[in-house]
Every structure is written in structure tokens, then in C-alpha cells.
Amino acid sequence: MKFIIMTMVISCWVGVLFCGEYVVIVSNDNPLTSVSKADLKRVYTGKMNNINGNTVNPVNISLNDPAAASFLDEIVGMGVADYKSFWLAEQIRGGSSAPSVKNSADDMLSHIKSNTNAIGYIPKGSNPDGVKVLTVN
């Protein structure tokens, strides 16, 4: 019984620890300073490609990364498996293409730094040196 209770407590804490475990980033040359959750959802589901008149190209970190799971759940409203299925269905219908994926925070940072229109996210606690962290509201 103690084992079951302990497992439940640990599971709850793991959920809390990963909640919001990402920061949204753009190039320092990008004029954006903030973004709404609704706009991010539209961008990451291919419904729009600009925010406040600024063209954006969404990029995901590896979908195996806890930051991706947190971002997709909180912003897009889908789990990783549902997000993959969503984009597969879009491609079958001939819709827009899924955002590109970078394997690590370092790859994401490098890509964002060299692409003014790119928007992405990295795990909270990563060093966002050379990029701008957006306020998400």
C-alpha cells in the first residue's frame, strides 16, 4: 500500500516538474517580444504563418524531449502521439507541412540564431544566449 501511495505522489510531482518546462525563442533580429498561446497554437498547427504581421517558421525540438511534451500539451493542446497523427493527416490531405525538428537545444539555438523568421522552444534552464526569449501570454 505504501508503495502505491508513494508511486502516486511521485507521479504527481513529475507532472508538476515538467509543467511549463520550456521557453519560446526567436532570433535577436526578430521584432517579436511576446506571443499569445492562441497564436502559437495556430502557428504550430499550420493555421497561420505570421504573428503580428511578422512571418514565422515554427520549429520543434525532438518530440522525445520533455520540453516538447510540455509545449505541445500546454500550447497546442495535444500529446506527442496526437500531434504526430495530426500532421500525418494534414500531409495525407495535402495540407501544410509539419514544423521541422531539431535534435537538441543546441541545434535549436543554432537554427534560431541564423533564421530571423524561425520560432522555437528550448528546455527551461538551457542557456538562451544569442536569442530572444518571448513572453507567452
Protein backbone atom coordinates (compact mmCIF):
# COMPACT_ATOMS: atom_id res chain seq x y z
CA MET A 1 0.00 0.00 0.00
CA LYS A 2 2.80 2.41 0.89
CA PHE A 3 4.42 1.64 -2.47
CA ILE A 4 1.23 2.57 -4.34
CA ILE A 5 0.83 5.83 -2.42
CA MET A 6 4.49 6.72 -2.95
CA THR A 7 4.19 5.98 -6.67
CA MET A 8 1.15 8.25 -6.93
CA VAL A 9 2.89 11.08 -5.08
CA ILE A 10 5.98 10.80 -7.28
CA SER A 11 3.83 10.75 -10.42
CA CYS A 12 2.11 13.96 -9.35
CA TRP A 13 5.44 15.66 -8.67
CA VAL A 14 6.85 14.57 -12.04
CA GLY A 15 3.82 16.15 -13.73
CA VAL A 16 4.39 19.39 -11.83
CA LEU A 17 8.11 19.40 -12.56
CA PHE A 18 7.62 19.14 -16.33
CA CYS A 19 4.80 21.67 -16.46
CA GLY A 20 6.00 24.69 -18.42
CA GLU A 21 9.47 23.26 -18.87
CA TYR A 22 10.24 25.31 -21.99
CA VAL A 23 10.89 28.86 -23.12
CA VAL A 24 9.81 30.17 -26.53
CA ILE A 25 12.62 31.76 -28.51
CA VAL A 26 13.25 33.78 -31.67
CA SER A 27 16.30 35.38 -33.25
CA ASN A 28 17.53 38.61 -31.71
CA ASP A 29 16.74 40.19 -35.10
CA ASN A 30 13.08 39.19 -34.90
CA PRO A 31 10.87 42.11 -33.77
CA LEU A 32 8.57 39.94 -31.62
CA THR A 33 8.79 40.32 -27.83
CA SER A 34 5.67 38.39 -26.83
CA VAL A 35 3.20 35.92 -28.30
CA SER A 36 -0.20 34.62 -27.28
CA LYS A 37 -0.83 30.94 -26.64
CA ALA A 38 -3.59 31.08 -29.27
CA ASP A 39 -1.21 32.41 -31.93
CA LEU A 40 1.41 29.80 -31.05
CA LYS A 41 -1.20 27.06 -31.39
CA ARG A 42 -2.23 28.37 -34.82
CA VAL A 43 1.39 28.54 -35.96
CA TYR A 44 2.29 25.05 -34.70
CA THR A 45 -0.81 23.55 -36.32
CA GLY A 46 -0.23 25.25 -39.68
CA LYS A 47 -3.27 27.53 -39.42
CA MET A 48 -1.20 30.71 -39.77
CA ASN A 49 2.34 31.68 -40.60
CA ASN A 50 2.67 35.13 -39.08
CA ILE A 51 2.35 36.78 -35.73
CA ASN A 52 1.55 40.49 -35.61
CA GLY A 53 2.49 40.77 -39.29
CA ASN A 54 5.83 39.01 -38.83
CA THR A 55 6.33 35.79 -40.80
CA VAL A 56 7.30 32.89 -38.56
CA ASN A 57 8.55 29.39 -39.31
CA PRO A 58 7.88 27.04 -36.39
CA VAL A 59 10.49 24.55 -35.28
CA ASN A 60 10.07 21.74 -32.73
CA ILE A 61 12.72 20.29 -30.50
CA SER A 62 12.94 16.49 -30.59
CA LEU A 63 9.48 15.19 -29.77
CA ASN A 64 11.18 12.81 -27.30
CA ASP A 65 12.31 15.80 -25.23
CA PRO A 66 10.17 16.56 -22.13
CA ALA A 67 10.10 20.22 -23.23
CA ALA A 68 8.30 19.17 -26.42
CA ALA A 69 5.72 17.16 -24.49
CA SER A 70 5.11 20.10 -22.16
CA PHE A 71 4.90 22.63 -25.02
CA LEU A 72 2.56 20.51 -27.12
CA ASP A 73 0.30 19.78 -24.17
CA GLU A 74 0.11 23.34 -22.84
CA ILE A 75 0.18 25.31 -26.09
CA VAL A 76 -1.16 23.04 -28.83
CA GLY A 77 -3.46 21.01 -26.60
CA MET A 78 -2.21 17.66 -27.89
CA GLY A 79 0.04 14.92 -26.65
CA VAL A 80 3.04 13.95 -28.77
CA ALA A 81 1.27 10.97 -30.39
CA ASP A 82 -1.79 13.07 -31.25
CA TYR A 83 0.42 15.82 -32.69
CA LYS A 84 2.22 13.32 -34.92
CA SER A 85 -1.14 11.91 -36.06
CA PHE A 86 -2.44 15.41 -36.72
CA TRP A 87 0.46 16.18 -39.06
CA LEU A 88 0.24 12.81 -40.78
CA ALA A 89 -3.43 13.51 -41.53
CA GLU A 90 -2.53 17.01 -42.79
CA GLN A 91 0.04 15.59 -45.19
CA ILE A 92 -2.40 12.95 -46.46
CA ARG A 93 -4.95 15.70 -47.13
CA GLY A 94 -2.29 17.73 -48.93
CA GLY A 95 -2.24 20.41 -46.23
CA SER A 96 0.74 22.27 -44.90
CA SER A 97 3.94 20.55 -43.78
CA ALA A 98 4.83 19.80 -40.18
CA PRO A 99 7.35 22.07 -38.49
CA SER A 100 10.95 20.96 -38.80
CA VAL A 101 12.51 19.23 -35.81
CA LYS A 102 15.88 19.90 -34.18
CA ASN A 103 17.52 17.13 -32.18
CA SER A 104 18.74 19.19 -29.23
CA ALA A 105 18.62 22.57 -27.56
CA ASP A 106 21.99 23.42 -29.10
CA ASP A 107 20.69 22.57 -32.59
CA MET A 108 17.58 24.67 -31.93
CA LEU A 109 19.63 27.63 -30.71
CA SER A 110 21.91 27.47 -33.74
CA HIS A 111 18.94 27.32 -36.11
CA ILE A 112 17.06 30.18 -34.42
CA LYS A 113 20.17 32.41 -34.35
CA SER A 114 20.68 32.04 -38.10
CA ASN A 115 17.00 32.27 -39.15
CA THR A 116 15.27 35.55 -38.36
CA ASN A 117 11.78 34.17 -39.01
CA ALA A 118 12.20 30.93 -37.05
CA ILE A 119 10.33 30.44 -33.78
CA GLY A 120 11.03 27.55 -31.46
CA TYR A 121 11.39 26.49 -27.86
CA ILE A 122 14.08 25.01 -25.69
CA PRO A 123 14.02 23.38 -22.26
CA LYS A 124 13.79 25.84 -19.40
CA GLY A 125 17.22 26.10 -17.83
CA SER A 126 19.04 25.92 -21.17
CA ASN A 127 21.29 28.86 -21.86
CA PRO A 128 19.36 31.03 -24.37
CA ASP A 129 22.49 33.04 -25.19
CA GLY A 130 22.23 34.82 -28.53
CA VAL A 131 18.44 34.52 -28.91
CA LYS A 132 15.42 36.38 -27.57
CA VAL A 133 13.08 34.69 -25.08
CA LEU A 134 9.45 35.65 -25.75
CA THR A 135 6.80 36.31 -23.14
CA VAL A 136 3.91 33.88 -23.69
CA ASN A 137 0.54 35.24 -22.62
